[in-house]
């Protein structure tokens, strides 16, 4: 169940199912030196979606790299701006104008300092919260686009933020980065339908519960489903009333 702002976000995101084309933007900086930076998680997610769902090869367009594919009848264009993070809106605005899209046809995947590493949230519209990539997009298409916020954590000191976002993910973080990317890819068909709740559920199946040994991550959908089935069976067994009949009485009742 949703309430308050979460309900409004879900309703706004759900409205986008009706569109025949969507633009999904991953934020990051171009170049090999930035490829593994925390700031480039948006690029990483789009790469995984393109690979998993058989999208077209990346090509240069709209001052960025684009790849296209479909989820059912919905055409989705993936865009990785090459204009650098602080000027991402130039690339996004060009694509939006060319395809005559509304701002709510756009979803932006980006890093989020205010979420714990590996946490993913979906949001429709709102402010840019100081994120320079979003600030630039605001300036070119307004604020009504949707966002998929991927937590990278805060370094704890405002003076360390720039170094934090422009540093590579630590070796210990690579498992959850892969899980989040794969989870977003798993949920991509639901996101294309405008169902952000199912999209986030698919992400959760990849990232929770913890893997064996206690490390953060997910064992996969089947393991999670088995755990849920066991929990349900246990609840049924615990809630059932005890049967006080004798064995003979049970036999008699069976053939009545």
C-alpha atoms as a PDB file:
ATOM      1  CA  UNK A   1       0.000   0.000   0.000  1.00  0.00           C
ATOM      2  CA  UNK A   2       1.170   3.527  -0.778  1.00  0.00           C
ATOM      3  CA  UNK A   3       0.375   6.670   1.134  1.00  0.00           C
ATOM      4  CA  UNK A   4       1.038  10.370   0.742  1.00  0.00           C
ATOM      5  CA  UNK A   5       3.895  11.273  -1.598  1.00  0.00           C
ATOM      6  CA  UNK A   6       4.614   7.651  -2.479  1.00  0.00           C
ATOM      7  CA  UNK A   7       1.046   7.235  -3.767  1.00  0.00           C
ATOM      8  CA  UNK A   8       1.355  10.341  -5.941  1.00  0.00           C
ATOM      9  CA  UNK A   9       4.701   9.132  -7.327  1.00  0.00           C
ATOM     10  CA  UNK A  10       3.223   5.724  -8.184  1.00  0.00           C
ATOM     11  CA  UNK A  11       0.208   7.332  -9.874  1.00  0.00           C
ATOM     12  CA  UNK A  12       2.345   9.691 -11.954  1.00  0.00           C
ATOM     13  CA  UNK A  13       4.735   6.934 -12.961  1.00  0.00           C
ATOM     14  CA  UNK A  14       1.792   4.705 -13.832  1.00  0.00           C
ATOM     15  CA  UNK A  15       0.445   7.290 -16.264  1.00  0.00           C
ATOM     16  CA  UNK A  16       3.380   6.691 -18.622  1.00  0.00           C
ATOM     17  CA  UNK A  17       2.172   3.240 -19.720  1.00  0.00           C
ATOM     18  CA  UNK A  18       0.055   4.872 -22.419  1.00  0.00           C
ATOM     19  CA  UNK A  19       3.030   6.215 -24.394  1.00  0.00           C
ATOM     20  CA  UNK A  20       4.389   4.290 -27.373  1.00  0.00           C
ATOM     21  CA  UNK A  21       7.916   5.654 -26.878  1.00  0.00           C
ATOM     22  CA  UNK A  22       9.921   6.314 -23.744  1.00  0.00           C
ATOM     23  CA  UNK A  23      13.345   7.868 -23.258  1.00  0.00           C
ATOM     24  CA  UNK A  24      15.505   6.396 -20.490  1.00  0.00           C
ATOM     25  CA  UNK A  25      18.589   8.433 -19.639  1.00  0.00           C
ATOM     26  CA  UNK A  26      21.585   7.184 -17.676  1.00  0.00           C
ATOM     27  CA  UNK A  27      23.778   9.867 -16.135  1.00  0.00           C
ATOM     28  CA  UNK A  28      27.550   9.734 -16.045  1.00  0.00           C
ATOM     29  CA  UNK A  29      30.715  11.140 -17.573  1.00  0.00           C
ATOM     30  CA  UNK A  30      32.196   9.901 -20.866  1.00  0.00           C
ATOM     31  CA  UNK A  31      35.645   8.362 -21.087  1.00  0.00           C
ATOM     32  CA  UNK A  32      37.453   5.311 -19.732  1.00  0.00           C
ATOM     33  CA  UNK A  33      38.803   7.242 -16.741  1.00  0.00           C
ATOM     34  CA  UNK A  34      35.256   7.741 -15.422  1.00  0.00           C
ATOM     35  CA  UNK A  35      33.748   4.381 -16.408  1.00  0.00           C
ATOM     36  CA  UNK A  36      33.824   2.829 -12.910  1.00  0.00           C
ATOM     37  CA  UNK A  37      33.063   6.019 -10.944  1.00  0.00           C
ATOM     38  CA  UNK A  38      30.138   6.143  -8.524  1.00  0.00           C
ATOM     39  CA  UNK A  39      28.823   9.074 -10.584  1.00  0.00           C
ATOM     40  CA  UNK A  40      28.481   6.696 -13.561  1.00  0.00           C
ATOM     41  CA  UNK A  41      26.006   4.227 -12.051  1.00  0.00           C
ATOM     42  CA  UNK A  42      23.381   5.491 -14.527  1.00  0.00           C
ATOM     43  CA  UNK A  43      25.569   4.457 -17.468  1.00  0.00           C
ATOM     44  CA  UNK A  44      26.158   1.053 -15.852  1.00  0.00           C
ATOM     45  CA  UNK A  45      22.448   0.349 -15.414  1.00  0.00           C
ATOM     46  CA  UNK A  46      21.634   1.255 -19.023  1.00  0.00           C
ATOM     47  CA  UNK A  47      24.474  -0.941 -20.299  1.00  0.00           C
ATOM     48  CA  UNK A  48      23.011  -3.895 -18.408  1.00  0.00           C
ATOM     49  CA  UNK A  49      19.479  -3.250 -19.721  1.00  0.00           C
ATOM     50  CA  UNK A  50      20.736  -3.013 -23.311  1.00  0.00           C
ATOM     51  CA  UNK A  51      22.768  -6.233 -22.993  1.00  0.00           C
ATOM     52  CA  UNK A  52      20.084  -8.290 -21.260  1.00  0.00           C
ATOM     53  CA  UNK A  53      17.184  -7.323 -23.504  1.00  0.00           C
ATOM     54  CA  UNK A  54      18.819  -7.454 -26.919  1.00  0.00           C
ATOM     55  CA  UNK A  55      18.715  -3.726 -27.653  1.00  0.00           C
ATOM     56  CA  UNK A  56      20.426  -2.338 -30.740  1.00  0.00           C
ATOM     57  CA  UNK A  57      24.178  -1.587 -30.735  1.00  0.00           C
ATOM     58  CA  UNK A  58      25.080   1.785 -29.253  1.00  0.00           C
ATOM     59  CA  UNK A  59      25.470   4.576 -31.802  1.00  0.00           C
ATOM     60  CA  UNK A  60      26.240   8.292 -31.647  1.00  0.00           C
ATOM     61  CA  UNK A  61      23.219  10.594 -31.636  1.00  0.00           C
ATOM     62  CA  UNK A  62      21.861  13.575 -29.694  1.00  0.00           C
ATOM     63  CA  UNK A  63      25.351  14.421 -28.362  1.00  0.00           C
ATOM     64  CA  UNK A  64      25.352  11.029 -26.688  1.00  0.00           C
ATOM     65  CA  UNK A  65      25.169   7.292 -27.297  1.00  0.00           C
ATOM     66  CA  UNK A  66      21.775   5.701 -27.933  1.00  0.00           C
ATOM     67  CA  UNK A  67      20.451   2.141 -28.041  1.00  0.00           C
ATOM     68  CA  UNK A  68      16.875   1.138 -28.866  1.00  0.00           C
ATOM     69  CA  UNK A  69      14.577  -1.772 -28.130  1.00  0.00           C
ATOM     70  CA  UNK A  70      11.043  -2.737 -27.158  1.00  0.00           C
ATOM     71  CA  UNK A  71       9.155  -4.051 -24.187  1.00  0.00           C
ATOM     72  CA  UNK A  72       5.948  -5.335 -25.721  1.00  0.00           C
ATOM     73  CA  UNK A  73       4.470  -2.529 -27.824  1.00  0.00           C
ATOM     74  CA  UNK A  74       6.483   0.161 -26.053  1.00  0.00           C
ATOM     75  CA  UNK A  75       9.578   1.446 -27.798  1.00  0.00           C
ATOM     76  CA  UNK A  76      12.355   2.493 -25.420  1.00  0.00           C
ATOM     77  CA  UNK A  77      15.364   4.578 -26.346  1.00  0.00           C
ATOM     78  CA  UNK A  78      18.331   4.478 -23.973  1.00  0.00           C
ATOM     79  CA  UNK A  79      20.527   7.591 -23.914  1.00  0.00           C
ATOM     80  CA  UNK A  80      23.942   8.104 -22.326  1.00  0.00           C
ATOM     81  CA  UNK A  81      24.823  11.816 -22.743  1.00  0.00           C
ATOM     82  CA  UNK A  82      28.420  12.548 -23.810  1.00  0.00           C
ATOM     83  CA  UNK A  83      28.198  16.182 -22.751  1.00  0.00           C
ATOM     84  CA  UNK A  84      29.568  15.464 -19.255  1.00  0.00           C
ATOM     85  CA  UNK A  85      27.417  15.347 -16.145  1.00  0.00           C
ATOM     86  CA  UNK A  86      26.976  19.078 -15.578  1.00  0.00           C
ATOM     87  CA  UNK A  87      25.660  19.613 -19.105  1.00  0.00           C
ATOM     88  CA  UNK A  88      23.518  16.453 -19.449  1.00  0.00           C
ATOM     89  CA  UNK A  89      20.402  18.465 -20.231  1.00  0.00           C
ATOM     90  CA  UNK A  90      21.722  19.537 -23.640  1.00  0.00           C
ATOM     91  CA  UNK A  91      21.749  15.955 -24.869  1.00  0.00           C
ATOM     92  CA  UNK A  92      18.432  15.061 -23.218  1.00  0.00           C
ATOM     93  CA  UNK A  93      16.715  18.193 -24.512  1.00  0.00           C
ATOM     94  CA  UNK A  94      17.835  17.469 -28.076  1.00  0.00           C
ATOM     95  CA  UNK A  95      16.404  13.930 -27.945  1.00  0.00           C
ATOM     96  CA  UNK A  96      13.136  15.123 -26.394  1.00  0.00           C
ATOM     97  CA  UNK A  97      12.627  17.827 -29.027  1.00  0.00           C
ATOM     98  CA  UNK A  98      13.514  15.555 -31.948  1.00  0.00           C
ATOM     99  CA  UNK A  99      11.013  12.862 -30.916  1.00  0.00           C
ATOM    100  CA  UNK A 100       8.411  15.391 -29.692  1.00  0.00           C
ATOM    101  CA  UNK A 101       8.283  13.783 -26.273  1.00  0.00           C
ATOM    102  CA  UNK A 102       6.714  15.166 -23.119  1.00  0.00           C
ATOM    103  CA  UNK A 103       8.958  15.488 -20.074  1.00  0.00           C
ATOM    104  CA  UNK A 104       7.015  12.697 -18.353  1.00  0.00           C
ATOM    105  CA  UNK A 105       8.067  10.317 -21.154  1.00  0.00           C
ATOM    106  CA  UNK A 106      11.582  10.576 -19.716  1.00  0.00           C
ATOM    107  CA  UNK A 107      13.105   8.523 -16.894  1.00  0.00           C
ATOM    108  CA  UNK A 108      16.568   9.360 -15.578  1.00  0.00           C
ATOM    109  CA  UNK A 109      18.769   6.792 -13.797  1.00  0.00           C
ATOM    110  CA  UNK A 110      21.246   8.532 -11.520  1.00  0.00           C
ATOM    111  CA  UNK A 111      23.422   8.252  -8.417  1.00  0.00           C
ATOM    112  CA  UNK A 112      21.921   9.448  -5.125  1.00  0.00           C
ATOM    113  CA  UNK A 113      24.031  10.606  -2.181  1.00  0.00           C
ATOM    114  CA  UNK A 114      21.067  10.641   0.209  1.00  0.00           C
ATOM    115  CA  UNK A 115      20.379   6.903  -0.126  1.00  0.00           C
ATOM    116  CA  UNK A 116      22.434   4.106   1.397  1.00  0.00           C
ATOM    117  CA  UNK A 117      24.610   2.196  -1.094  1.00  0.00           C
ATOM    118  CA  UNK A 118      22.501  -0.245  -3.102  1.00  0.00           C
ATOM    119  CA  UNK A 119      19.118   1.259  -2.192  1.00  0.00           C
ATOM    120  CA  UNK A 120      16.920   2.084  -5.180  1.00  0.00           C
ATOM    121  CA  UNK A 121      13.926   4.404  -5.238  1.00  0.00           C
ATOM    122  CA  UNK A 122      11.598   5.576  -8.029  1.00  0.00           C
ATOM    123  CA  UNK A 123      10.325   9.126  -8.048  1.00  0.00           C
ATOM    124  CA  UNK A 124       8.168  11.223 -10.380  1.00  0.00           C
ATOM    125  CA  UNK A 125       8.976  14.912 -10.704  1.00  0.00           C
ATOM    126  CA  UNK A 126      10.355  17.165  -7.998  1.00  0.00           C
ATOM    127  CA  UNK A 127      13.525  19.125  -7.369  1.00  0.00           C
ATOM    128  CA  UNK A 128      17.093  18.319  -8.355  1.00  0.00           C
ATOM    129  CA  UNK A 129      18.410  18.260  -4.742  1.00  0.00           C
ATOM    130  CA  UNK A 130      21.706  19.775  -5.841  1.00  0.00           C
ATOM    131  CA  UNK A 131      22.536  17.027  -8.342  1.00  0.00           C
ATOM    132  CA  UNK A 132      24.237  18.867 -11.231  1.00  0.00           C
ATOM    133  CA  UNK A 133      23.084  16.400 -13.872  1.00  0.00           C
ATOM    134  CA  UNK A 134      19.455  16.797 -12.819  1.00  0.00           C
ATOM    135  CA  UNK A 135      19.884  20.558 -12.509  1.00  0.00           C
ATOM    136  CA  UNK A 136      20.931  20.673 -16.164  1.00  0.00           C
ATOM    137  CA  UNK A 137      18.017  18.471 -17.258  1.00  0.00           C
ATOM    138  CA  UNK A 138      15.618  20.702 -15.317  1.00  0.00           C
ATOM    139  CA  UNK A 139      16.880  23.690 -17.314  1.00  0.00           C
ATOM    140  CA  UNK A 140      16.168  21.968 -20.650  1.00  0.00           C
ATOM    141  CA  UNK A 141      12.937  19.957 -20.150  1.00  0.00           C
ATOM    142  CA  UNK A 142      11.498  21.021 -16.794  1.00  0.00           C
ATOM    143  CA  UNK A 143      11.071  18.902 -13.671  1.00  0.00           C
ATOM    144  CA  UNK A 144       8.224  16.524 -14.544  1.00  0.00           C
ATOM    145  CA  UNK A 145      10.411  13.614 -15.664  1.00  0.00           C
ATOM    146  CA  UNK A 146      10.710  10.432 -13.586  1.00  0.00           C
ATOM    147  CA  UNK A 147      13.874   9.338 -11.800  1.00  0.00           C
ATOM    148  CA  UNK A 148      15.336   6.050 -10.651  1.00  0.00           C
ATOM    149  CA  UNK A 149      17.624   6.979  -7.766  1.00  0.00           C
ATOM    150  CA  UNK A 150      20.457   4.565  -6.999  1.00  0.00           C
ATOM    151  CA  UNK A 151      22.059   5.093  -3.595  1.00  0.00           C
ATOM    152  CA  UNK A 152      25.836   5.499  -3.393  1.00  0.00           C
ATOM    153  CA  UNK A 153      25.936   6.789   0.182  1.00  0.00           C
ATOM    154  CA  UNK A 154      27.287  10.086   1.517  1.00  0.00           C
ATOM    155  CA  UNK A 155      30.947  10.420   2.561  1.00  0.00           C
ATOM    156  CA  UNK A 156      29.834  12.296   5.671  1.00  0.00           C
ATOM    157  CA  UNK A 157      31.530  15.569   4.852  1.00  0.00           C
ATOM    158  CA  UNK A 158      30.328  17.999   2.170  1.00  0.00           C
ATOM    159  CA  UNK A 159      33.935  18.770   1.284  1.00  0.00           C
ATOM    160  CA  UNK A 160      34.527  15.140   0.318  1.00  0.00           C
ATOM    161  CA  UNK A 161      31.481  14.755  -1.963  1.00  0.00           C
ATOM    162  CA  UNK A 162      33.252  15.587  -5.239  1.00  0.00           C
ATOM    163  CA  UNK A 163      36.035  13.094  -4.590  1.00  0.00           C
ATOM    164  CA  UNK A 164      33.471  10.502  -3.479  1.00  0.00           C
ATOM    165  CA  UNK A 165      31.330  10.650  -6.621  1.00  0.00           C
ATOM    166  CA  UNK A 166      34.338  10.811  -8.956  1.00  0.00           C
ATOM    167  CA  UNK A 167      36.068   7.834  -7.320  1.00  0.00           C
ATOM    168  CA  UNK A 168      35.681   4.251  -8.528  1.00  0.00           C
ATOM    169  CA  UNK A 169      33.438   1.879  -6.625  1.00  0.00           C
ATOM    170  CA  UNK A 170      35.500  -0.049  -4.091  1.00  0.00           C
ATOM    171  CA  UNK A 171      36.155  -3.728  -4.731  1.00  0.00           C
ATOM    172  CA  UNK A 172      33.861  -4.563  -1.803  1.00  0.00           C
ATOM    173  CA  UNK A 173      30.996  -2.675  -3.492  1.00  0.00           C
ATOM    174  CA  UNK A 174      31.109  -4.443  -6.845  1.00  0.00           C
ATOM    175  CA  UNK A 175      28.687  -7.228  -5.843  1.00  0.00           C
ATOM    176  CA  UNK A 176      25.883  -4.848  -4.930  1.00  0.00           C
ATOM    177  CA  UNK A 177      26.551  -2.677  -7.989  1.00  0.00           C
ATOM    178  CA  UNK A 178      26.115  -5.772 -10.173  1.00  0.00           C
ATOM    179  CA  UNK A 179      23.003  -6.851  -8.246  1.00  0.00           C
ATOM    180  CA  UNK A 180      21.395  -3.414  -8.568  1.00  0.00           C
ATOM    181  CA  UNK A 181      22.178  -3.218 -12.288  1.00  0.00           C
ATOM    182  CA  UNK A 182      20.742  -6.680 -12.886  1.00  0.00           C
ATOM    183  CA  UNK A 183      17.721  -5.928 -10.717  1.00  0.00           C
ATOM    184  CA  UNK A 184      16.952  -2.776 -12.710  1.00  0.00           C
ATOM    185  CA  UNK A 185      17.288  -4.846 -15.885  1.00  0.00           C
ATOM    186  CA  UNK A 186      14.970  -7.550 -14.473  1.00  0.00           C
ATOM    187  CA  UNK A 187      12.382  -4.894 -13.670  1.00  0.00           C
ATOM    188  CA  UNK A 188      12.762  -2.901 -16.891  1.00  0.00           C
ATOM    189  CA  UNK A 189       9.653  -4.406 -18.584  1.00  0.00           C
ATOM    190  CA  UNK A 190       7.539  -3.347 -15.583  1.00  0.00           C
ATOM    191  CA  UNK A 191       9.032   0.152 -15.609  1.00  0.00           C
ATOM    192  CA  UNK A 192       8.134   0.433 -19.298  1.00  0.00           C
ATOM    193  CA  UNK A 193       4.531  -0.421 -18.342  1.00  0.00           C
ATOM    194  CA  UNK A 194       4.537   2.325 -15.712  1.00  0.00           C
ATOM    195  CA  UNK A 195       4.485  -0.130 -12.785  1.00  0.00           C
ATOM    196  CA  UNK A 196       7.179   1.240 -10.491  1.00  0.00           C
ATOM    197  CA  UNK A 197       6.129  -1.043  -7.612  1.00  0.00           C
ATOM    198  CA  UNK A 198       6.802  -4.220  -9.624  1.00  0.00           C
ATOM    199  CA  UNK A 199      10.018  -2.678 -10.942  1.00  0.00           C
ATOM    200  CA  UNK A 200      11.258  -2.090  -7.385  1.00  0.00           C
ATOM    201  CA  UNK A 201      10.154  -5.593  -6.357  1.00  0.00           C
ATOM    202  CA  UNK A 202      12.389  -7.057  -9.059  1.00  0.00           C
ATOM    203  CA  UNK A 203      15.302  -4.966  -7.819  1.00  0.00           C
ATOM    204  CA  UNK A 204      14.625  -6.179  -4.287  1.00  0.00           C
ATOM    205  CA  UNK A 205      14.678  -9.827  -5.390  1.00  0.00           C
ATOM    206  CA  UNK A 206      18.238  -9.268  -6.594  1.00  0.00           C
ATOM    207  CA  UNK A 207      19.458  -7.299  -3.584  1.00  0.00           C
ATOM    208  CA  UNK A 208      17.588  -8.983  -0.691  1.00  0.00           C
ATOM    209  CA  UNK A 209      17.729 -11.106   1.389  1.00  0.00           C
ATOM    210  CA  UNK A 210      21.474 -11.390   2.152  1.00  0.00           C
ATOM    211  CA  UNK A 211      23.471 -14.053   0.390  1.00  0.00           C
ATOM    212  CA  UNK A 212      24.700 -17.064   2.334  1.00  0.00           C
ATOM    213  CA  UNK A 213      27.557 -15.948   4.535  1.00  0.00           C
ATOM    214  CA  UNK A 214      25.863 -12.627   5.356  1.00  0.00           C
ATOM    215  CA  UNK A 215      27.231 -10.505   2.500  1.00  0.00           C
ATOM    216  CA  UNK A 216      24.924  -7.904   1.011  1.00  0.00           C
ATOM    217  CA  UNK A 217      23.138  -8.980  -2.164  1.00  0.00           C
ATOM    218  CA  UNK A 218      20.544 -11.487  -3.243  1.00  0.00           C
ATOM    219  CA  UNK A 219      20.578 -15.229  -3.988  1.00  0.00           C
ATOM    220  CA  UNK A 220      18.096 -14.838  -6.826  1.00  0.00           C
ATOM    221  CA  UNK A 221      14.348 -14.948  -7.350  1.00  0.00           C
ATOM    222  CA  UNK A 222      13.811 -18.675  -6.781  1.00  0.00           C
ATOM    223  CA  UNK A 223      15.553 -18.633  -3.401  1.00  0.00           C
ATOM    224  CA  UNK A 224      13.487 -15.633  -2.312  1.00  0.00           C
ATOM    225  CA  UNK A 225      10.287 -17.343  -3.441  1.00  0.00           C
ATOM    226  CA  UNK A 226      11.175 -20.531  -1.527  1.00  0.00           C
ATOM    227  CA  UNK A 227      11.808 -18.485   1.591  1.00  0.00           C
ATOM    228  CA  UNK A 228       8.396 -16.829   1.215  1.00  0.00           C
ATOM    229  CA  UNK A 229       6.716 -20.223   0.723  1.00  0.00           C
ATOM    230  CA  UNK A 230       8.358 -21.612   3.865  1.00  0.00           C
ATOM    231  CA  UNK A 231       7.259 -18.572   5.844  1.00  0.00           C
ATOM    232  CA  UNK A 232       3.669 -18.991   4.619  1.00  0.00           C
ATOM    233  CA  UNK A 233       3.660 -22.734   5.430  1.00  0.00           C
ATOM    234  CA  UNK A 234       4.997 -22.035   8.909  1.00  0.00           C
ATOM    235  CA  UNK A 235       2.314 -19.402   9.493  1.00  0.00           C
ATOM    236  CA  UNK A 236      -0.443 -21.802   8.395  1.00  0.00           C
ATOM    237  CA  UNK A 237       0.908 -24.565  10.624  1.00  0.00           C
ATOM    238  CA  UNK A 238       1.150 -22.252  13.635  1.00  0.00           C
ATOM    239  CA  UNK A 239      -2.339 -20.826  13.154  1.00  0.00           C
ATOM    240  CA  UNK A 240      -4.100 -24.197  12.684  1.00  0.00           C
ATOM    241  CA  UNK A 241      -6.162 -25.385  15.654  1.00  0.00           C
ATOM    242  CA  UNK A 242      -4.988 -28.680  17.245  1.00  0.00           C
ATOM    243  CA  UNK A 243      -7.008 -31.800  16.279  1.00  0.00           C
ATOM    244  CA  UNK A 244      -8.063 -33.562  19.504  1.00  0.00           C
ATOM    245  CA  UNK A 245      -9.815 -36.523  17.844  1.00  0.00           C
ATOM    246  CA  UNK A 246      -8.633 -40.081  18.457  1.00  0.00           C
ATOM    247  CA  UNK A 247      -7.281 -42.139  15.547  1.00  0.00           C
ATOM    248  CA  UNK A 248     -10.484 -44.224  15.501  1.00  0.00           C
ATOM    249  CA  UNK A 249     -12.685 -41.131  15.456  1.00  0.00           C
ATOM    250  CA  UNK A 250     -10.646 -39.664  12.530  1.00  0.00           C
ATOM    251  CA  UNK A 251     -11.152 -42.900  10.576  1.00  0.00           C
ATOM    252  CA  UNK A 252     -14.898 -42.926  11.254  1.00  0.00           C
ATOM    253  CA  UNK A 253     -15.228 -39.255  10.275  1.00  0.00           C
ATOM    254  CA  UNK A 254     -13.316 -39.860   7.057  1.00  0.00           C
ATOM    255  CA  UNK A 255     -15.988 -42.259   5.754  1.00  0.00           C
ATOM    256  CA  UNK A 256     -19.057 -40.437   7.029  1.00  0.00           C
END
